[in-house]
Amino acid sequence: DKVAARQSLLQILNWDFERVIISHGDLINH
């Protein structure tokens, strides 16, 4: 369901985050 996926991801992008902690790989700090 690409429409539902896009809505979920856009909601996340609306958050005011400045770093990302992920489970696999290098953290995103910039």
Full PDB file with SEQRES, HELIX, SHEET, SSBOND, CRYST1, ORIGX, SCALE, CONECT and MASTER records, all heavy atoms in Angstrom:
SEQRES   1 A   30  ASP LYS VAL ALA ALA ARG GLN SER LEU LEU GLN ILE LEU          
SEQRES   2 A   30  ASN TRP ASP PHE GLU ARG VAL ILE ILE SER HIS GLY ASP          
SEQRES   3 A   30  LEU ILE ASN HIS                                              
HELIX    1 AA1 LYS A    2  LEU A   13  1                                  12    
CRYST1    1.000    1.000    1.000  90.00  90.00  90.00 P 1           1          
ORIGX1      1.000000  0.000000  0.000000        0.00000                         
ORIGX2      0.000000  1.000000  0.000000        0.00000                         
ORIGX3      0.000000  0.000000  1.000000        0.00000                         
SCALE1      1.000000  0.000000  0.000000        0.00000                         
SCALE2      0.000000  1.000000  0.000000        0.00000                         
SCALE3      0.000000  0.000000  1.000000        0.00000                         
ATOM      1  N   ASP A   1       0.867  -1.178   0.000  1.00  0.00           N  
ATOM      2  CA  ASP A   1       0.000   0.000   0.000  1.00  0.00           C  
ATOM      3  C   ASP A   1       0.905   1.230   0.000  1.00  0.00           C  
ATOM      4  O   ASP A   1       1.320   1.721   1.052  1.00  0.00           O  
ATOM      5  CB  ASP A   1      -0.906  -0.008   1.233  1.00  0.00           C  
ATOM      6  CG  ASP A   1      -1.950   1.116   1.192  1.00  0.00           C  
ATOM      7  OD1 ASP A   1      -1.724   2.117   0.490  1.00  0.00           O  
ATOM      8  OD2 ASP A   1      -2.975   0.988   1.886  1.00  0.00           O  
ATOM      9  N   LYS A   2       1.216   1.721  -1.186  1.00  0.00           N  
ATOM     10  CA  LYS A   2       2.176   2.810  -1.314  1.00  0.00           C  
ATOM     11  C   LYS A   2       1.645   4.120  -0.747  1.00  0.00           C  
ATOM     12  O   LYS A   2       2.408   4.940  -0.242  1.00  0.00           O  
ATOM     13  CB  LYS A   2       2.564   2.969  -2.780  1.00  0.00           C  
ATOM     14  CG  LYS A   2       3.305   1.763  -3.339  1.00  0.00           C  
ATOM     15  CD  LYS A   2       3.580   1.901  -4.824  1.00  0.00           C  
ATOM     16  CE  LYS A   2       4.285   0.670  -5.363  1.00  0.00           C  
ATOM     17  NZ  LYS A   2       4.503   0.736  -6.830  1.00  0.00           N  
ATOM     18  N   VAL A   3       0.350   4.323  -0.817  1.00  0.00           N  
ATOM     19  CA  VAL A   3      -0.236   5.538  -0.261  1.00  0.00           C  
ATOM     20  C   VAL A   3      -0.083   5.550   1.259  1.00  0.00           C  
ATOM     21  O   VAL A   3       0.332   6.546   1.857  1.00  0.00           O  
ATOM     22  CB  VAL A   3      -1.721   5.663  -0.666  1.00  0.00           C  
ATOM     23  CG1 VAL A   3      -2.365   6.843   0.062  1.00  0.00           C  
ATOM     24  CG2 VAL A   3      -1.846   5.839  -2.171  1.00  0.00           C  
ATOM     25  N   ALA A   4      -0.396   4.421   1.901  1.00  0.00           N  
ATOM     26  CA  ALA A   4      -0.262   4.327   3.355  1.00  0.00           C  
ATOM     27  C   ALA A   4       1.192   4.475   3.782  1.00  0.00           C  
ATOM     28  O   ALA A   4       1.494   5.132   4.786  1.00  0.00           O  
ATOM     29  CB  ALA A   4      -0.829   2.997   3.854  1.00  0.00           C  
ATOM     30  N   ALA A   5       2.108   3.852   3.024  1.00  0.00           N  
ATOM     31  CA  ALA A   5       3.533   3.961   3.345  1.00  0.00           C  
ATOM     32  C   ALA A   5       3.990   5.410   3.259  1.00  0.00           C  
ATOM     33  O   ALA A   5       4.690   5.909   4.152  1.00  0.00           O  
ATOM     34  CB  ALA A   5       4.337   3.088   2.392  1.00  0.00           C  
ATOM     35  N   ARG A   6       3.607   6.089   2.207  1.00  0.00           N  
ATOM     36  CA  ARG A   6       4.024   7.481   2.024  1.00  0.00           C  
ATOM     37  C   ARG A   6       3.494   8.350   3.161  1.00  0.00           C  
ATOM     38  O   ARG A   6       4.206   9.217   3.689  1.00  0.00           O  
ATOM     39  CB  ARG A   6       3.534   7.996   0.674  1.00  0.00           C  
ATOM     40  CG  ARG A   6       4.008   9.401   0.326  1.00  0.00           C  
ATOM     41  CD  ARG A   6       3.602   9.770  -1.101  1.00  0.00           C  
ATOM     42  NE  ARG A   6       4.166  11.054  -1.477  1.00  0.00           N  
ATOM     43  CZ  ARG A   6       3.576  12.228  -1.236  1.00  0.00           C  
ATOM     44  NH1 ARG A   6       2.416  12.265  -0.606  1.00  0.00           N  
ATOM     45  NH2 ARG A   6       4.149  13.341  -1.622  1.00  0.00           N  
ATOM     46  N   GLN A   7       2.250   8.130   3.562  1.00  0.00           N  
ATOM     47  CA  GLN A   7       1.675   8.922   4.650  1.00  0.00           C  
ATOM     48  C   GLN A   7       2.451   8.709   5.953  1.00  0.00           C  
ATOM     49  O   GLN A   7       2.717   9.658   6.690  1.00  0.00           O  
ATOM     50  CB  GLN A   7       0.204   8.545   4.840  1.00  0.00           C  
ATOM     51  CG  GLN A   7      -0.698   9.028   3.714  1.00  0.00           C  
ATOM     52  CD  GLN A   7      -2.128   8.546   3.857  1.00  0.00           C  
ATOM     53  OE1 GLN A   7      -2.414   7.589   4.589  1.00  0.00           O  
ATOM     54  NE2 GLN A   7      -3.050   9.192   3.162  1.00  0.00           N  
ATOM     55  N   SER A   8       2.827   7.453   6.230  1.00  0.00           N  
ATOM     56  CA  SER A   8       3.585   7.161   7.447  1.00  0.00           C  
ATOM     57  C   SER A   8       4.944   7.841   7.420  1.00  0.00           C  
ATOM     58  O   SER A   8       5.374   8.454   8.411  1.00  0.00           O  
ATOM     59  CB  SER A   8       3.759   5.652   7.607  1.00  0.00           C  
ATOM     60  OG  SER A   8       2.530   4.985   7.755  1.00  0.00           O  
ATOM     61  N   LEU A   9       5.638   7.741   6.283  1.00  0.00           N  
ATOM     62  CA  LEU A   9       6.982   8.301   6.180  1.00  0.00           C  
ATOM     63  C   LEU A   9       6.959   9.833   6.227  1.00  0.00           C  
ATOM     64  O   LEU A   9       7.843  10.455   6.829  1.00  0.00           O  
ATOM     65  CB  LEU A   9       7.654   7.806   4.901  1.00  0.00           C  
ATOM     66  CG  LEU A   9       7.829   6.283   4.796  1.00  0.00           C  
ATOM     67  CD1 LEU A   9       8.472   5.910   3.470  1.00  0.00           C  
ATOM     68  CD2 LEU A   9       8.636   5.737   5.962  1.00  0.00           C  
ATOM     69  N   LEU A  10       5.962  10.437   5.617  1.00  0.00           N  
ATOM     70  CA  LEU A  10       5.853  11.892   5.678  1.00  0.00           C  
ATOM     71  C   LEU A  10       5.570  12.369   7.102  1.00  0.00           C  
ATOM     72  O   LEU A  10       6.057  13.436   7.511  1.00  0.00           O  
ATOM     73  CB  LEU A  10       4.751  12.374   4.735  1.00  0.00           C  
ATOM     74  CG  LEU A  10       5.087  12.346   3.245  1.00  0.00           C  
ATOM     75  CD1 LEU A  10       3.867  12.725   2.420  1.00  0.00           C  
ATOM     76  CD2 LEU A  10       6.266  13.259   2.917  1.00  0.00           C  
ATOM     77  N   GLN A  11       4.811  11.585   7.846  1.00  0.00           N  
ATOM     78  CA  GLN A  11       4.564  11.949   9.244  1.00  0.00           C  
ATOM     79  C   GLN A  11       5.867  11.960  10.030  1.00  0.00           C  
ATOM     80  O   GLN A  11       6.104  12.843  10.860  1.00  0.00           O  
ATOM     81  CB  GLN A  11       3.568  10.972   9.866  1.00  0.00           C  
ATOM     82  CG  GLN A  11       3.075  11.393  11.238  1.00  0.00           C  
ATOM     83  CD  GLN A  11       1.937  10.529  11.741  1.00  0.00           C  
ATOM     84  OE1 GLN A  11       1.315   9.788  10.978  1.00  0.00           O  
ATOM     85  NE2 GLN A  11       1.667  10.602  13.033  1.00  0.00           N  
ATOM     86  N   ILE A  12       6.733  10.987   9.768  1.00  0.00           N  
ATOM     87  CA  ILE A  12       8.035  10.945  10.431  1.00  0.00           C  
ATOM     88  C   ILE A  12       8.884  12.146  10.021  1.00  0.00           C  
ATOM     89  O   ILE A  12       9.524  12.797  10.859  1.00  0.00           O  
ATOM     90  CB  ILE A  12       8.764   9.628  10.098  1.00  0.00           C  
ATOM     91  CG1 ILE A  12       7.986   8.437  10.663  1.00  0.00           C  
ATOM     92  CG2 ILE A  12      10.198   9.647  10.645  1.00  0.00           C  
ATOM     93  CD1 ILE A  12       8.501   7.093  10.172  1.00  0.00           C  
ATOM     94  N   LEU A  13       8.882  12.471   8.746  1.00  0.00           N  
ATOM     95  CA  LEU A  13       9.687  13.593   8.260  1.00  0.00           C  
ATOM     96  C   LEU A  13       9.199  14.933   8.810  1.00  0.00           C  
ATOM     97  O   LEU A  13       9.951  15.908   8.807  1.00  0.00           O  
ATOM     98  CB  LEU A  13       9.684  13.609   6.727  1.00  0.00           C  
ATOM     99  CG  LEU A  13      10.615  12.588   6.066  1.00  0.00           C  
ATOM    100  CD1 LEU A  13      10.305  12.450   4.580  1.00  0.00           C  
ATOM    101  CD2 LEU A  13      12.070  12.991   6.268  1.00  0.00           C  
ATOM    102  N   ASN A  14       7.983  14.982   9.277  1.00  0.00           N  
ATOM    103  CA  ASN A  14       7.474  16.218   9.886  1.00  0.00           C  
ATOM    104  C   ASN A  14       8.002  16.435  11.299  1.00  0.00           C  
ATOM    105  O   ASN A  14       7.863  17.530  11.849  1.00  0.00           O  
ATOM    106  CB  ASN A  14       5.938  16.201   9.901  1.00  0.00           C  
ATOM    107  CG  ASN A  14       5.347  16.540   8.543  1.00  0.00           C  
ATOM    108  OD1 ASN A  14       5.960  17.249   7.748  1.00  0.00           O  
ATOM    109  ND2 ASN A  14       4.151  16.028   8.277  1.00  0.00           N  
ATOM    110  N   TRP A  15       8.574  15.396  11.902  1.00  0.00           N  
ATOM    111  CA  TRP A  15       9.163  15.561  13.227  1.00  0.00           C  
ATOM    112  C   TRP A  15      10.441  16.394  13.119  1.00  0.00           C  
ATOM    113  O   TRP A  15      11.175  16.331  12.127  1.00  0.00           O  
ATOM    114  CB  TRP A  15       9.488  14.205  13.841  1.00  0.00           C  
ATOM    115  CG  TRP A  15       8.292  13.377  14.197  1.00  0.00           C  
ATOM    116  CD1 TRP A  15       7.041  13.814  14.479  1.00  0.00           C  
ATOM    117  CD2 TRP A  15       8.253  11.947  14.311  1.00  0.00           C  
ATOM    118  NE1 TRP A  15       6.214  12.745  14.771  1.00  0.00           N  
ATOM    119  CE2 TRP A  15       6.938  11.593  14.681  1.00  0.00           C  
ATOM    120  CE3 TRP A  15       9.205  10.932  14.145  1.00  0.00           C  
ATOM    121  CZ2 TRP A  15       6.539  10.273  14.876  1.00  0.00           C  
ATOM    122  CZ3 TRP A  15       8.817   9.614  14.338  1.00  0.00           C  
ATOM    123  CH2 TRP A  15       7.499   9.289  14.705  1.00  0.00           C  
ATOM    124  N   ASP A  16      10.749  17.096  14.168  1.00  0.00           N  
ATOM    125  CA  ASP A  16      11.897  18.006  14.176  1.00  0.00           C  
ATOM    126  C   ASP A  16      13.146  17.293  14.720  1.00  0.00           C  
ATOM    127  O   ASP A  16      13.720  17.693  15.723  1.00  0.00           O  
ATOM    128  CB  ASP A  16      11.560  19.238  15.027  1.00  0.00           C  
ATOM    129  CG  ASP A  16      12.652  20.287  14.962  1.00  0.00           C  
ATOM    130  OD1 ASP A  16      13.382  20.334  13.948  1.00  0.00           O  
ATOM    131  OD2 ASP A  16      12.785  21.059  15.940  1.00  0.00           O  
ATOM    132  N   PHE A  17      13.583  16.235  14.018  1.00  0.00           N  
ATOM    133  CA  PHE A  17      14.749  15.485  14.492  1.00  0.00           C  
ATOM    134  C   PHE A  17      16.032  16.031  13.884  1.00  0.00           C  
ATOM    135  O   PHE A  17      16.038  16.588  12.779  1.00  0.00           O  
ATOM    136  CB  PHE A  17      14.600  13.988  14.187  1.00  0.00           C  
ATOM    137  CG  PHE A  17      14.472  13.634  12.726  1.00  0.00           C  
ATOM    138  CD1 PHE A  17      15.589  13.391  11.947  1.00  0.00           C  
ATOM    139  CD2 PHE A  17      13.213  13.506  12.139  1.00  0.00           C  
ATOM    140  CE1 PHE A  17      15.470  13.051  10.607  1.00  0.00           C  
ATOM    141  CE2 PHE A  17      13.079  13.170  10.796  1.00  0.00           C  
ATOM    142  CZ  PHE A  17      14.210  12.936  10.031  1.00  0.00           C  
ATOM    143  N   GLU A  18      17.122  15.873  14.640  1.00  0.00           N  
ATOM    144  CA  GLU A  18      18.422  16.334  14.163  1.00  0.00           C  
ATOM    145  C   GLU A  18      19.456  15.208  14.107  1.00  0.00           C  
ATOM    146  O   GLU A  18      20.567  15.432  13.651  1.00  0.00           O  
ATOM    147  CB  GLU A  18      18.948  17.472  15.026  1.00  0.00           C  
ATOM    148  CG  GLU A  18      19.155  17.134  16.485  1.00  0.00           C  
ATOM    149  CD  GLU A  18      19.636  18.323  17.306  1.00  0.00           C  
ATOM    150  OE1 GLU A  18      19.441  19.474  16.852  1.00  0.00           O  
ATOM    151  OE2 GLU A  18      20.204  18.102  18.384  1.00  0.00           O  
ATOM    152  N   ARG A  19      19.100  14.026  14.583  1.00  0.00           N  
ATOM    153  CA  ARG A  19      19.975  12.847  14.498  1.00  0.00           C  
ATOM    154  C   ARG A  19      19.108  11.610  14.399  1.00  0.00           C  
ATOM    155  O   ARG A  19      17.920  11.645  14.749  1.00  0.00           O  
ATOM    156  CB  ARG A  19      20.899  12.757  15.713  1.00  0.00           C  
ATOM    157  CG  ARG A  19      20.200  12.459  17.020  1.00  0.00           C  
ATOM    158  CD  ARG A  19      21.156  12.404  18.188  1.00  0.00           C  
ATOM    159  NE  ARG A  19      21.834  13.685  18.386  1.00  0.00           N  
ATOM    160  CZ  ARG A  19      21.284  14.714  19.034  1.00  0.00           C  
ATOM    161  NH1 ARG A  19      20.056  14.612  19.536  1.00  0.00           N  
ATOM    162  NH2 ARG A  19      21.936  15.841  19.179  1.00  0.00           N  
ATOM    163  N   VAL A  20      19.709  10.493  13.912  1.00  0.00           N  
ATOM    164  CA  VAL A  20      18.967   9.241  13.761  1.00  0.00           C  
ATOM    165  C   VAL A  20      19.791   8.100  14.342  1.00  0.00           C  
ATOM    166  O   VAL A  20      20.958   7.909  13.974  1.00  0.00           O  
ATOM    167  CB  VAL A  20      18.647   8.928  12.283  1.00  0.00           C  
ATOM    168  CG1 VAL A  20      17.680   7.736  12.192  1.00  0.00           C  
ATOM    169  CG2 VAL A  20      18.078  10.137  11.563  1.00  0.00           C  
ATOM    170  N   ILE A  21      19.174   7.359  15.250  1.00  0.00           N  
ATOM    171  CA  ILE A  21      19.756   6.109  15.734  1.00  0.00           C  
ATOM    172  C   ILE A  21      19.065   4.974  14.992  1.00  0.00           C  
ATOM    173  O   ILE A  21      17.834   4.894  14.964  1.00  0.00           O  
ATOM    174  CB  ILE A  21      19.573   5.959  17.254  1.00  0.00           C  
ATOM    175  CG1 ILE A  21      20.435   6.996  17.989  1.00  0.00           C  
ATOM    176  CG2 ILE A  21      19.931   4.550  17.714  1.00  0.00           C  
ATOM    177  CD1 ILE A  21      20.267   6.986  19.490  1.00  0.00           C  
ATOM    178  N   ILE A  22      19.853   4.111  14.381  1.00  0.00           N  
ATOM    179  CA  ILE A  22      19.325   2.976  13.636  1.00  0.00           C  
ATOM    180  C   ILE A  22      19.913   1.695  14.217  1.00  0.00           C  
ATOM    181  O   ILE A  22      20.887   1.730  14.979  1.00  0.00           O  
ATOM    182  CB  ILE A  22      19.657   3.085  12.132  1.00  0.00           C  
ATOM    183  CG1 ILE A  22      21.175   3.251  11.927  1.00  0.00           C  
ATOM    184  CG2 ILE A  22      18.905   4.244  11.501  1.00  0.00           C  
ATOM    185  CD1 ILE A  22      21.600   3.325  10.471  1.00  0.00           C  
ATOM    186  N   SER A  23      19.329   0.566  13.849  1.00  0.00           N  
ATOM    187  CA  SER A  23      19.795  -0.702  14.408  1.00  0.00           C  
ATOM    188  C   SER A  23      20.971  -1.292  13.643  1.00  0.00           C  
ATOM    189  O   SER A  23      21.745  -2.067  14.213  1.00  0.00           O  
ATOM    190  CB  SER A  23      18.644  -1.719  14.440  1.00  0.00           C  
ATOM    191  OG  SER A  23      17.752  -1.425  15.485  1.00  0.00           O  
ATOM    192  N   HIS A  24      21.096  -0.971  12.361  1.00  0.00           N  
ATOM    193  CA  HIS A  24      22.116  -1.615  11.540  1.00  0.00           C  
ATOM    194  C   HIS A  24      22.921  -0.575  10.764  1.00  0.00           C  
ATOM    195  O   HIS A  24      22.388   0.115   9.901  1.00  0.00           O  
ATOM    196  CB  HIS A  24      21.475  -2.607  10.562  1.00  0.00           C  
ATOM    197  CG  HIS A  24      20.536  -3.571  11.219  1.00  0.00           C  
ATOM    198  ND1 HIS A  24      20.956  -4.488  12.161  1.00  0.00           N  
ATOM    199  CD2 HIS A  24      19.195  -3.744  11.089  1.00  0.00           C  
ATOM    200  CE1 HIS A  24      19.918  -5.199  12.573  1.00  0.00           C  
ATOM    201  NE2 HIS A  24      18.845  -4.758  11.950  1.00  0.00           N  
ATOM    202  N   GLY A  25      24.183  -0.457  11.127  1.00  0.00           N  
ATOM    203  CA  GLY A  25      25.052   0.464  10.422  1.00  0.00           C  
ATOM    204  C   GLY A  25      25.400   1.688  11.234  1.00  0.00           C  
ATOM    205  O   GLY A  25      25.186   1.748  12.451  1.00  0.00           O  
ATOM    206  N   ASP A  26      25.948   2.673  10.559  1.00  0.00           N  
ATOM    207  CA  ASP A  26      26.482   3.858  11.208  1.00  0.00           C  
ATOM    208  C   ASP A  26      25.368   4.856  11.520  1.00  0.00           C  
ATOM    209  O   ASP A  26      24.453   5.073  10.712  1.00  0.00           O  
ATOM    210  CB  ASP A  26      27.531   4.513  10.302  1.00  0.00           C  
ATOM    211  CG  ASP A  26      28.639   3.532   9.926  1.00  0.00           C  
ATOM    212  OD1 ASP A  26      29.099   2.799  10.821  1.00  0.00           O  
ATOM    213  OD2 ASP A  26      29.015   3.488   8.738  1.00  0.00           O  
ATOM    214  N   LEU A  27      25.460   5.473  12.688  1.00  0.00           N  
ATOM    215  CA  LEU A  27      24.464   6.452  13.092  1.00  0.00           C  
ATOM    216  C   LEU A  27      24.512   7.680  12.180  1.00  0.00           C  
ATOM    217  O   LEU A  27      25.540   7.983  11.566  1.00  0.00           O  
ATOM    218  CB  LEU A  27      24.701   6.875  14.541  1.00  0.00           C  
ATOM    219  CG  LEU A  27      24.720   5.747  15.577  1.00  0.00           C  
ATOM    220  CD1 LEU A  27      24.890   6.329  16.976  1.00  0.00           C  
ATOM    221  CD2 LEU A  27      23.453   4.916  15.507  1.00  0.00           C  
ATOM    222  N   ILE A  28      23.402   8.384  12.114  1.00  0.00           N  
ATOM    223  CA  ILE A  28      23.293   9.571  11.266  1.00  0.00           C  
ATOM    224  C   ILE A  28      23.227  10.789  12.185  1.00  0.00           C  
ATOM    225  O   ILE A  28      22.203  11.046  12.816  1.00  0.00           O  
ATOM    226  CB  ILE A  28      22.049   9.484  10.362  1.00  0.00           C  
ATOM    227  CG1 ILE A  28      22.146   8.237   9.476  1.00  0.00           C  
ATOM    228  CG2 ILE A  28      21.903  10.746   9.519  1.00  0.00           C  
ATOM    229  CD1 ILE A  28      20.864   7.916   8.727  1.00  0.00           C  
ATOM    230  N   ASN A  29      24.317  11.516  12.260  1.00  0.00           N  
ATOM    231  CA  ASN A  29      24.424  12.635  13.195  1.00  0.00           C  
ATOM    232  C   ASN A  29      24.472  13.999  12.519  1.00  0.00           C  
ATOM    233  O   ASN A  29      24.452  15.026  13.205  1.00  0.00           O  
ATOM    234  CB  ASN A  29      25.673  12.462  14.064  1.00  0.00           C  
ATOM    235  CG  ASN A  29      25.547  11.295  15.018  1.00  0.00           C  
ATOM    236  OD1 ASN A  29      24.524  11.130  15.671  1.00  0.00           O  
ATOM    237  ND2 ASN A  29      26.587  10.469  15.091  1.00  0.00           N  
ATOM    238  N   HIS A  30      24.554  14.018  11.199  1.00  0.00           N  
ATOM    239  CA  HIS A  30      24.633  15.285  10.474  1.00  0.00           C  
ATOM    240  C   HIS A  30      23.710  15.221   9.257  1.00  0.00           C  
ATOM    241  O   HIS A  30      23.578  14.169   8.623  1.00  0.00           O  
ATOM    242  CB  HIS A  30      26.073  15.568  10.021  1.00  0.00           C  
ATOM    243  CG  HIS A  30      27.068  15.544  11.147  1.00  0.00           C  
ATOM    244  ND1 HIS A  30      27.170  16.565  12.067  1.00  0.00           N  
ATOM    245  CD2 HIS A  30      27.989  14.618  11.507  1.00  0.00           C  
ATOM    246  CE1 HIS A  30      28.111  16.275  12.937  1.00  0.00           C  
ATOM    247  NE2 HIS A  30      28.626  15.094  12.627  1.00  0.00           N  
TER     248      HIS A  30                                                      
MASTER        0    0    0    1    0    0    0    6  247    1    0    3          
END                                                                             
